[in-house]
Amino acid sequence: MAFDLEPFDESYFDSAPMTYVIDVNIPVTPEKAWAEFTRQNTLDWCRALKSVRYTSPEPYAVGTTRSVALAPGFITMDERFFLWDEDSSTSTYKHAFHGVRASIPGLKKFGEYTEVSPTDSGSRLVWKFAMELGGVGLPSFLSGPISSGAFGTVKNDTVRYFTQR
């Protein structure tokens, strides 16, 4: 059974009830980082994810869809990108999606915003997560620490992955 999620726009990443931001420098070029974030089966370095599969053909743009399975694979989500901007002249790249449907109840909204830009020693990665629980769910004083732990794992895995490249 699938549960529909509500769409939103870019402003939601600053106003969502629950947010988490990864803001790190990574020692690879913006082009290399972007290629990793936009390839089929991306995020395979993250222990929290089982699979990430683009379900739209290339080239990817606004309207691109993707399917994600969290580890160990019981929870899935379909996503739709509403922002996709690749500026090779400035080596700045960004995209954002919102969840369309999830395999579990209790999630009203979920999305991610990813931006890669150049630095003197590689790239700056800004990765924002935004969500809102719906219906009966964990209270925020419990769900906040749980989600922070999960996103902390994603951050650590990502930094480790790009440092070893």
N, C-alpha and C. Protein backbone atom coordinates (compact mmCIF):
# COMPACT_ATOMS: atom_id res chain seq x y z
N MET A 1 0.84 -1.18 0.00
CA MET A 1 0.00 0.00 0.00
C MET A 1 0.88 1.24 0.00
N ALA A 2 0.50 2.24 -0.77
CA ALA A 2 1.26 3.49 -0.85
C ALA A 2 0.48 4.62 -0.21
N PHE A 3 1.20 5.53 0.41
CA PHE A 3 0.61 6.67 1.09
C PHE A 3 1.13 7.94 0.42
N ASP A 4 0.20 8.78 -0.08
CA ASP A 4 0.58 10.00 -0.79
C ASP A 4 1.18 11.02 0.16
N LEU A 5 2.17 11.75 -0.34
CA LEU A 5 2.78 12.85 0.38
C LEU A 5 2.41 14.15 -0.33
N GLU A 6 2.47 15.25 0.41
CA GLU A 6 2.12 16.55 -0.15
C GLU A 6 3.32 17.19 -0.83
N PRO A 7 3.11 17.82 -2.00
CA PRO A 7 4.21 18.52 -2.67
C PRO A 7 4.52 19.85 -1.97
N PHE A 8 5.67 20.42 -2.29
CA PHE A 8 6.05 21.73 -1.77
C PHE A 8 7.09 22.34 -2.70
N ASP A 9 7.50 23.58 -2.40
CA ASP A 9 8.50 24.25 -3.22
C ASP A 9 9.78 24.47 -2.41
N GLU A 10 10.74 25.15 -3.01
CA GLU A 10 12.06 25.33 -2.40
C GLU A 10 12.01 26.05 -1.05
N SER A 11 11.06 26.94 -0.85
CA SER A 11 10.98 27.69 0.41
C SER A 11 10.73 26.78 1.62
N TYR A 12 10.18 25.61 1.39
CA TYR A 12 9.86 24.69 2.49
C TYR A 12 11.12 24.22 3.23
N PHE A 13 12.25 24.20 2.56
CA PHE A 13 13.48 23.75 3.22
C PHE A 13 13.90 24.68 4.35
N ASP A 14 13.37 25.91 4.35
CA ASP A 14 13.67 26.86 5.42
C ASP A 14 12.53 26.97 6.44
N SER A 15 11.38 26.37 6.15
CA SER A 15 10.23 26.54 7.05
C SER A 15 9.64 25.24 7.57
N ALA A 16 10.16 24.11 7.16
CA ALA A 16 9.61 22.81 7.57
C ALA A 16 9.72 22.62 9.08
N PRO A 17 8.79 21.88 9.67
CA PRO A 17 8.86 21.62 11.12
C PRO A 17 10.10 20.83 11.53
N MET A 18 10.59 19.99 10.64
CA MET A 18 11.79 19.20 10.94
C MET A 18 12.76 19.37 9.78
N THR A 19 13.98 19.83 10.09
CA THR A 19 15.00 20.00 9.07
C THR A 19 16.33 19.45 9.56
N TYR A 20 17.17 19.13 8.62
CA TYR A 20 18.54 18.74 8.92
C TYR A 20 19.39 19.23 7.75
N VAL A 21 20.52 19.84 8.05
CA VAL A 21 21.38 20.37 7.00
C VAL A 21 22.78 19.79 7.13
N ILE A 22 23.28 19.27 6.04
CA ILE A 22 24.68 18.87 5.93
C ILE A 22 25.36 19.96 5.11
N ASP A 23 26.39 20.58 5.67
CA ASP A 23 27.12 21.64 4.98
C ASP A 23 28.60 21.35 5.19
N VAL A 24 29.23 20.74 4.19
CA VAL A 24 30.61 20.30 4.33
C VAL A 24 31.41 20.61 3.07
N ASN A 25 32.72 20.69 3.24
CA ASN A 25 33.63 20.78 2.10
C ASN A 25 34.12 19.38 1.80
N ILE A 26 34.16 19.04 0.51
CA ILE A 26 34.64 17.73 0.09
C ILE A 26 35.76 17.92 -0.93
N PRO A 27 36.75 17.03 -0.91
CA PRO A 27 37.96 17.22 -1.73
C PRO A 27 37.86 16.69 -3.16
N VAL A 28 36.75 16.98 -3.83
CA VAL A 28 36.59 16.63 -5.24
C VAL A 28 36.01 17.83 -5.97
N THR A 29 36.18 17.87 -7.28
CA THR A 29 35.63 18.98 -8.06
C THR A 29 34.10 18.96 -8.00
N PRO A 30 33.47 20.11 -8.22
CA PRO A 30 32.01 20.12 -8.27
C PRO A 30 31.46 19.17 -9.34
N GLU A 31 32.14 19.07 -10.47
CA GLU A 31 31.68 18.20 -11.54
C GLU A 31 31.71 16.73 -11.10
N LYS A 32 32.76 16.34 -10.39
CA LYS A 32 32.87 14.96 -9.90
C LYS A 32 31.79 14.69 -8.85
N ALA A 33 31.60 15.63 -7.93
CA ALA A 33 30.57 15.45 -6.90
C ALA A 33 29.19 15.36 -7.55
N TRP A 34 28.90 16.26 -8.49
CA TRP A 34 27.59 16.26 -9.14
C TRP A 34 27.35 14.97 -9.92
N ALA A 35 28.40 14.49 -10.58
CA ALA A 35 28.28 13.23 -11.32
C ALA A 35 27.92 12.09 -10.37
N GLU A 36 28.47 12.11 -9.17
CA GLU A 36 28.16 11.07 -8.19
C GLU A 36 26.72 11.18 -7.69
N PHE A 37 26.23 12.40 -7.50
CA PHE A 37 24.86 12.60 -7.00
C PHE A 37 23.79 12.38 -8.06
N THR A 38 24.18 12.36 -9.33
CA THR A 38 23.18 12.25 -10.39
C THR A 38 23.32 10.98 -11.23
N ARG A 39 24.13 10.05 -10.78
CA ARG A 39 24.26 8.79 -11.52
C ARG A 39 23.21 7.79 -11.05
N GLN A 40 22.93 6.82 -11.90
CA GLN A 40 22.03 5.73 -11.50
C GLN A 40 22.65 5.01 -10.29
N ASN A 41 21.83 4.60 -9.36
CA ASN A 41 22.28 3.94 -8.12
C ASN A 41 23.14 4.85 -7.26
N THR A 42 22.88 6.14 -7.31
CA THR A 42 23.62 7.08 -6.48
C THR A 42 23.39 6.80 -5.00
N LEU A 43 24.20 7.36 -4.18
CA LEU A 43 24.12 7.24 -2.72
C LEU A 43 24.36 5.82 -2.24
N ASP A 44 24.98 4.99 -3.07
CA ASP A 44 25.27 3.62 -2.65
C ASP A 44 26.30 3.58 -1.52
N TRP A 45 26.91 4.72 -1.23
CA TRP A 45 27.85 4.80 -0.12
C TRP A 45 27.14 5.00 1.22
N CYS A 46 25.86 5.28 1.21
CA CYS A 46 25.11 5.54 2.45
C CYS A 46 24.52 4.26 3.01
N ARG A 47 24.93 3.92 4.21
CA ARG A 47 24.43 2.70 4.85
C ARG A 47 22.94 2.75 5.12
N ALA A 48 22.36 3.94 5.22
CA ALA A 48 20.93 4.07 5.52
C ALA A 48 20.04 3.76 4.32
N LEU A 49 20.64 3.62 3.14
CA LEU A 49 19.87 3.39 1.92
C LEU A 49 20.21 2.04 1.31
N LYS A 50 19.18 1.38 0.81
CA LYS A 50 19.41 0.12 0.10
C LYS A 50 19.59 0.36 -1.39
N SER A 51 18.74 1.25 -1.95
CA SER A 51 18.85 1.54 -3.39
C SER A 51 18.25 2.90 -3.71
N VAL A 52 18.81 3.53 -4.74
CA VAL A 52 18.29 4.78 -5.28
C VAL A 52 18.33 4.62 -6.79
N ARG A 53 17.15 4.67 -7.42
CA ARG A 53 17.06 4.38 -8.85
C ARG A 53 16.25 5.46 -9.55
N TYR A 54 16.89 6.12 -10.53
CA TYR A 54 16.14 7.07 -11.36
C TYR A 54 15.17 6.28 -12.22
N THR A 55 13.92 6.75 -12.26
CA THR A 55 12.89 6.08 -13.04
C THR A 55 12.52 6.88 -14.29
N SER A 56 13.21 7.98 -14.51
CA SER A 56 13.07 8.79 -15.72
C SER A 56 14.34 8.62 -16.56
N PRO A 57 14.20 8.72 -17.88
CA PRO A 57 15.39 8.63 -18.72
C PRO A 57 16.23 9.91 -18.63
N GLU A 58 17.52 9.78 -18.93
CA GLU A 58 18.37 10.96 -19.03
C GLU A 58 18.00 11.72 -20.30
N PRO A 59 18.27 13.01 -20.39
CA PRO A 59 18.89 13.84 -19.38
C PRO A 59 17.90 14.20 -18.28
N TYR A 60 18.40 14.27 -17.06
CA TYR A 60 17.56 14.59 -15.92
C TYR A 60 17.31 16.09 -15.85
N ALA A 61 16.11 16.45 -15.40
CA ALA A 61 15.69 17.85 -15.34
C ALA A 61 14.49 17.94 -14.40
N VAL A 62 13.88 19.11 -14.33
CA VAL A 62 12.64 19.26 -13.56
C VAL A 62 11.65 18.22 -14.08
N GLY A 63 11.01 17.51 -13.17
CA GLY A 63 10.07 16.46 -13.53
C GLY A 63 10.65 15.06 -13.45
N THR A 64 11.97 14.96 -13.31
CA THR A 64 12.62 13.65 -13.16
C THR A 64 12.07 12.94 -11.94
N THR A 65 11.93 11.63 -12.04
CA THR A 65 11.43 10.83 -10.92
C THR A 65 12.48 9.81 -10.50
N ARG A 66 12.36 9.40 -9.25
CA ARG A 66 13.31 8.47 -8.66
C ARG A 66 12.60 7.62 -7.63
N SER A 67 13.10 6.43 -7.40
CA SER A 67 12.55 5.52 -6.39
C SER A 67 13.68 5.16 -5.42
N VAL A 68 13.37 5.20 -4.13
CA VAL A 68 14.37 4.97 -3.08
C VAL A 68 13.87 3.90 -2.13
N ALA A 69 14.78 3.04 -1.70
CA ALA A 69 14.48 2.06 -0.65
C ALA A 69 15.47 2.27 0.48
N LEU A 70 14.93 2.49 1.68
CA LEU A 70 15.80 2.61 2.86
C LEU A 70 16.25 1.22 3.27
N ALA A 71 17.43 1.15 3.85
CA ALA A 71 17.93 -0.15 4.34
C ALA A 71 17.07 -0.61 5.50
N PRO A 72 16.71 -1.86 5.59
CA PRO A 72 17.11 -2.97 4.74
C PRO A 72 16.22 -3.17 3.52
N GLY A 73 15.25 -2.28 3.27
CA GLY A 73 14.44 -2.37 2.06
C GLY A 73 12.94 -2.40 2.28
N PHE A 74 12.50 -2.31 3.52
CA PHE A 74 11.06 -2.38 3.81
C PHE A 74 10.35 -1.06 3.52
N ILE A 75 11.06 0.05 3.62
CA ILE A 75 10.46 1.37 3.42
C ILE A 75 10.92 1.91 2.07
N THR A 76 9.95 2.30 1.24
CA THR A 76 10.26 2.85 -0.07
C THR A 76 9.56 4.19 -0.26
N MET A 77 10.11 5.00 -1.17
CA MET A 77 9.52 6.29 -1.48
C MET A 77 9.76 6.60 -2.94
N ASP A 78 8.74 7.18 -3.58
CA ASP A 78 8.88 7.71 -4.93
C ASP A 78 9.05 9.22 -4.81
N GLU A 79 9.94 9.77 -5.63
CA GLU A 79 10.30 11.19 -5.54
C GLU A 79 10.14 11.86 -6.89
N ARG A 80 9.88 13.17 -6.85
CA ARG A 80 9.79 13.97 -8.08
C ARG A 80 10.61 15.24 -7.89
N PHE A 81 11.52 15.50 -8.82
CA PHE A 81 12.37 16.68 -8.75
C PHE A 81 11.62 17.90 -9.29
N PHE A 82 11.58 18.96 -8.48
CA PHE A 82 10.93 20.20 -8.89
C PHE A 82 11.95 21.31 -9.16
N LEU A 83 13.22 21.04 -8.89
CA LEU A 83 14.30 21.98 -9.16
C LEU A 83 15.47 21.18 -9.71
N TRP A 84 16.03 21.67 -10.81
CA TRP A 84 17.23 21.01 -11.37
C TRP A 84 17.98 22.09 -12.14
N ASP A 85 19.13 22.49 -11.63
CA ASP A 85 19.89 23.57 -12.24
C ASP A 85 21.36 23.18 -12.31
N GLU A 86 21.88 23.11 -13.51
CA GLU A 86 23.29 22.78 -13.74
C GLU A 86 23.94 23.95 -14.47
N ASP A 87 24.82 24.69 -13.78
CA ASP A 87 25.51 25.82 -14.39
C ASP A 87 26.99 25.49 -14.49
N SER A 88 27.38 24.88 -15.60
CA SER A 88 28.78 24.46 -15.76
C SER A 88 29.73 25.65 -15.87
N SER A 89 29.23 26.84 -16.25
CA SER A 89 30.11 28.02 -16.36
C SER A 89 30.59 28.49 -14.99
N THR A 90 29.82 28.22 -13.94
CA THR A 90 30.22 28.59 -12.57
C THR A 90 30.50 27.36 -11.71
N SER A 91 30.38 26.18 -12.30
CA SER A 91 30.56 24.91 -11.57
C SER A 91 29.64 24.82 -10.36
N THR A 92 28.42 25.33 -10.53
CA THR A 92 27.42 25.28 -9.47
C THR A 92 26.24 24.43 -9.95
N TYR A 93 25.85 23.49 -9.11
CA TYR A 93 24.82 22.52 -9.47
C TYR A 93 23.87 22.34 -8.31
N LYS A 94 22.57 22.23 -8.60
CA LYS A 94 21.62 21.99 -7.52
C LYS A 94 20.37 21.30 -8.05
N HIS A 95 19.76 20.55 -7.17
CA HIS A 95 18.45 19.97 -7.45
C HIS A 95 17.70 19.76 -6.14
N ALA A 96 16.39 19.60 -6.27
CA ALA A 96 15.55 19.37 -5.10
C ALA A 96 14.35 18.53 -5.52
N PHE A 97 13.91 17.69 -4.59
CA PHE A 97 12.73 16.87 -4.84
C PHE A 97 11.83 16.87 -3.62
N HIS A 98 10.59 16.47 -3.85
CA HIS A 98 9.67 16.17 -2.76
C HIS A 98 9.18 14.74 -2.95
N GLY A 99 8.89 14.09 -1.85
CA GLY A 99 8.33 12.75 -1.92
C GLY A 99 6.93 12.80 -2.52
N VAL A 100 6.60 11.81 -3.31
CA VAL A 100 5.28 11.71 -3.93
C VAL A 100 4.43 10.69 -3.16
N ARG A 101 5.03 9.56 -2.84
CA ARG A 101 4.34 8.52 -2.07
C ARG A 101 5.37 7.70 -1.32
N ALA A 102 4.94 7.16 -0.18
CA ALA A 102 5.81 6.33 0.65
C ALA A 102 5.07 5.04 1.00
N SER A 103 5.83 4.03 1.35
CA SER A 103 5.23 2.73 1.66
C SER A 103 4.77 2.62 3.11
N ILE A 104 4.99 3.68 3.89
CA ILE A 104 4.55 3.69 5.29
C ILE A 104 3.70 4.92 5.56
N PRO A 105 2.76 4.82 6.50
CA PRO A 105 1.97 6.00 6.87
C PRO A 105 2.77 6.89 7.82
N GLY A 106 2.23 8.06 8.10
CA GLY A 106 2.81 8.92 9.13
C GLY A 106 3.72 10.01 8.62
N LEU A 107 3.92 10.08 7.32
CA LEU A 107 4.78 11.12 6.75
C LEU A 107 3.92 12.00 5.86
N LYS A 108 3.85 13.28 6.17
CA LYS A 108 3.04 14.21 5.39
C LYS A 108 3.84 14.82 4.24
N LYS A 109 5.10 15.21 4.55
CA LYS A 109 5.98 15.81 3.54
C LYS A 109 7.40 15.34 3.79
N PHE A 110 8.15 15.15 2.71
CA PHE A 110 9.58 14.85 2.82
C PHE A 110 10.26 15.30 1.54
N GLY A 111 11.44 15.87 1.67
CA GLY A 111 12.20 16.26 0.49
C GLY A 111 13.65 16.55 0.82
N GLU A 112 14.42 16.69 -0.24
CA GLU A 112 15.84 17.00 -0.12
C GLU A 112 16.23 18.05 -1.15
N TYR A 113 17.18 18.88 -0.75
CA TYR A 113 17.79 19.89 -1.62
C TYR A 113 19.29 19.65 -1.58
N THR A 114 19.91 19.56 -2.75
CA THR A 114 21.35 19.33 -2.83
C THR A 114 21.97 20.41 -3.70
N GLU A 115 23.04 21.04 -3.18
CA GLU A 115 23.77 22.05 -3.95
C GLU A 115 25.26 21.79 -3.84
N VAL A 116 25.94 21.84 -4.97
CA VAL A 116 27.39 21.67 -5.03
C VAL A 116 27.97 22.91 -5.70
N SER A 117 28.98 23.52 -5.05
CA SER A 117 29.63 24.71 -5.60
C SER A 117 31.13 24.62 -5.36
N PRO A 118 31.92 25.39 -6.12
CA PRO A 118 33.37 25.26 -6.01
C PRO A 118 33.95 25.95 -4.77
N THR A 119 35.05 25.39 -4.29
CA THR A 119 35.88 26.00 -3.25
C THR A 119 37.33 25.91 -3.73
N ASP A 120 38.23 26.53 -2.99
CA ASP A 120 39.65 26.48 -3.36
C ASP A 120 40.21 25.06 -3.32
N SER A 121 39.62 24.21 -2.47
CA SER A 121 40.18 22.86 -2.30
C SER A 121 39.23 21.75 -2.76
N GLY A 122 38.22 22.10 -3.55
CA GLY A 122 37.29 21.09 -4.02
C GLY A 122 35.89 21.65 -4.18
N SER A 123 34.97 21.18 -3.31
CA SER A 123 33.57 21.58 -3.42
C SER A 123 32.96 21.80 -2.05
N ARG A 124 31.95 22.63 -2.05
CA ARG A 124 31.08 22.76 -0.88
C ARG A 124 29.79 22.02 -1.21
N LEU A 125 29.40 21.14 -0.33
CA LEU A 125 28.16 20.38 -0.47
C LEU A 125 27.18 20.87 0.58
N VAL A 126 26.05 21.37 0.14
CA VAL A 126 24.95 21.73 1.04
C VAL A 126 23.81 20.78 0.70
N TRP A 127 23.40 20.01 1.69
CA TRP A 127 22.38 18.97 1.50
C TRP A 127 21.34 19.18 2.59
N LYS A 128 20.16 19.64 2.20
CA LYS A 128 19.09 19.94 3.15
C LYS A 128 18.01 18.87 3.09
N PHE A 129 17.52 18.50 4.26
CA PHE A 129 16.42 17.55 4.39
C PHE A 129 15.28 18.28 5.10
N ALA A 130 14.06 18.09 4.64
CA ALA A 130 12.89 18.71 5.27
C ALA A 130 11.76 17.70 5.34
N MET A 131 11.07 17.70 6.48
CA MET A 131 9.96 16.76 6.60
C MET A 131 8.92 17.26 7.58
N GLU A 132 7.75 16.68 7.42
CA GLU A 132 6.64 16.93 8.34
C GLU A 132 5.91 15.61 8.53
N LEU A 133 5.72 15.28 9.79
CA LEU A 133 4.97 14.07 10.11
C LEU A 133 3.49 14.36 10.01
N GLY A 134 2.70 13.35 9.70
CA GLY A 134 1.26 13.51 9.62
C GLY A 134 0.58 12.38 10.36
N GLY A 135 -0.61 12.63 10.84
CA GLY A 135 -1.34 11.58 11.55
C GLY A 135 -0.64 11.22 12.85
N VAL A 136 -0.77 9.97 13.22
CA VAL A 136 -0.15 9.49 14.45
C VAL A 136 1.31 9.15 14.14
N GLY A 137 2.19 9.81 14.82
CA GLY A 137 3.62 9.55 14.64
C GLY A 137 4.34 9.82 15.95
N LEU A 138 5.62 9.67 15.92
CA LEU A 138 6.40 9.96 17.12
C LEU A 138 6.36 11.45 17.40
N PRO A 139 6.30 11.85 18.67
CA PRO A 139 6.40 13.27 18.99
C PRO A 139 7.78 13.79 18.59
N SER A 140 7.86 15.09 18.31
CA SER A 140 9.10 15.66 17.78
C SER A 140 10.28 15.48 18.73
N PHE A 141 10.03 15.43 20.05
CA PHE A 141 11.16 15.27 20.96
C PHE A 141 11.78 13.88 20.85
N LEU A 142 11.05 12.92 20.26
CA LEU A 142 11.61 11.59 19.98
C LEU A 142 12.06 11.47 18.53
N SER A 143 11.23 11.95 17.60
CA SER A 143 11.56 11.78 16.19
C SER A 143 12.75 12.63 15.78
N GLY A 144 12.93 13.79 16.41
CA GLY A 144 14.07 14.66 16.09
C GLY A 144 15.40 13.97 16.31
N PRO A 145 15.64 13.44 17.52
CA PRO A 145 16.92 12.73 17.74
C PRO A 145 17.09 11.49 16.86
N ILE A 146 16.00 10.78 16.58
CA ILE A 146 16.10 9.59 15.72
C ILE A 146 16.51 10.01 14.31
N SER A 147 15.84 11.03 13.75
CA SER A 147 16.18 11.45 12.40
C SER A 147 17.56 12.10 12.36
N SER A 148 17.95 12.82 13.40
CA SER A 148 19.30 13.40 13.43
C SER A 148 20.36 12.32 13.41
N GLY A 149 20.11 11.22 14.09
CA GLY A 149 21.04 10.09 14.06
C GLY A 149 21.16 9.50 12.67
N ALA A 150 20.02 9.32 12.01
CA ALA A 150 20.03 8.76 10.64
C ALA A 150 20.74 9.71 9.68
N PHE A 151 20.44 11.01 9.76
CA PHE A 151 21.08 11.97 8.87
C PHE A 151 22.56 12.13 9.20
N GLY A 152 22.91 11.98 10.47
CA GLY A 152 24.32 12.01 10.86
C GLY A 152 25.09 10.87 10.21
N THR A 153 24.47 9.71 10.11
CA THR A 153 25.09 8.57 9.42
C THR A 153 25.28 8.89 7.94
N VAL A 154 24.28 9.50 7.32
CA VAL A 154 24.38 9.90 5.91
C VAL A 154 25.54 10.88 5.73
N LYS A 155 25.64 11.85 6.62
CA LYS A 155 26.73 12.84 6.55
C LYS A 155 28.08 12.15 6.66
N ASN A 156 28.26 11.33 7.69
CA ASN A 156 29.54 10.66 7.89
C ASN A 156 29.90 9.76 6.71
N ASP A 157 28.93 9.02 6.20
CA ASP A 157 29.18 8.14 5.06
C ASP A 157 29.58 8.95 3.82
N THR A 158 28.93 10.09 3.63
CA THR A 158 29.20 10.93 2.46
C THR A 158 30.60 11.55 2.54
N VAL A 159 30.94 12.10 3.68
CA VAL A 159 32.28 12.69 3.85
C VAL A 159 33.35 11.62 3.64
N ARG A 160 33.15 10.46 4.24
CA ARG A 160 34.11 9.36 4.09
C ARG A 160 34.24 8.95 2.62
N TYR A 161 33.12 8.83 1.93
CA TYR A 161 33.14 8.41 0.52
C TYR A 161 33.95 9.39 -0.34
N PHE A 162 33.66 10.68 -0.21
CA PHE A 162 34.34 11.65 -1.06
C PHE A 162 35.79 11.88 -0.64
N THR A 163 36.11 11.66 0.60
CA THR A 163 37.50 11.78 1.06
C THR A 163 38.35 10.65 0.51
N GLN A 164 37.75 9.50 0.29
CA GLN A 164 38.49 8.34 -0.21
C GLN A 164 38.54 8.28 -1.74
N ARG A 165 37.92 9.20 -2.43
CA ARG A 165 37.87 9.18 -3.90
C ARG A 165 39.20 9.59 -4.48
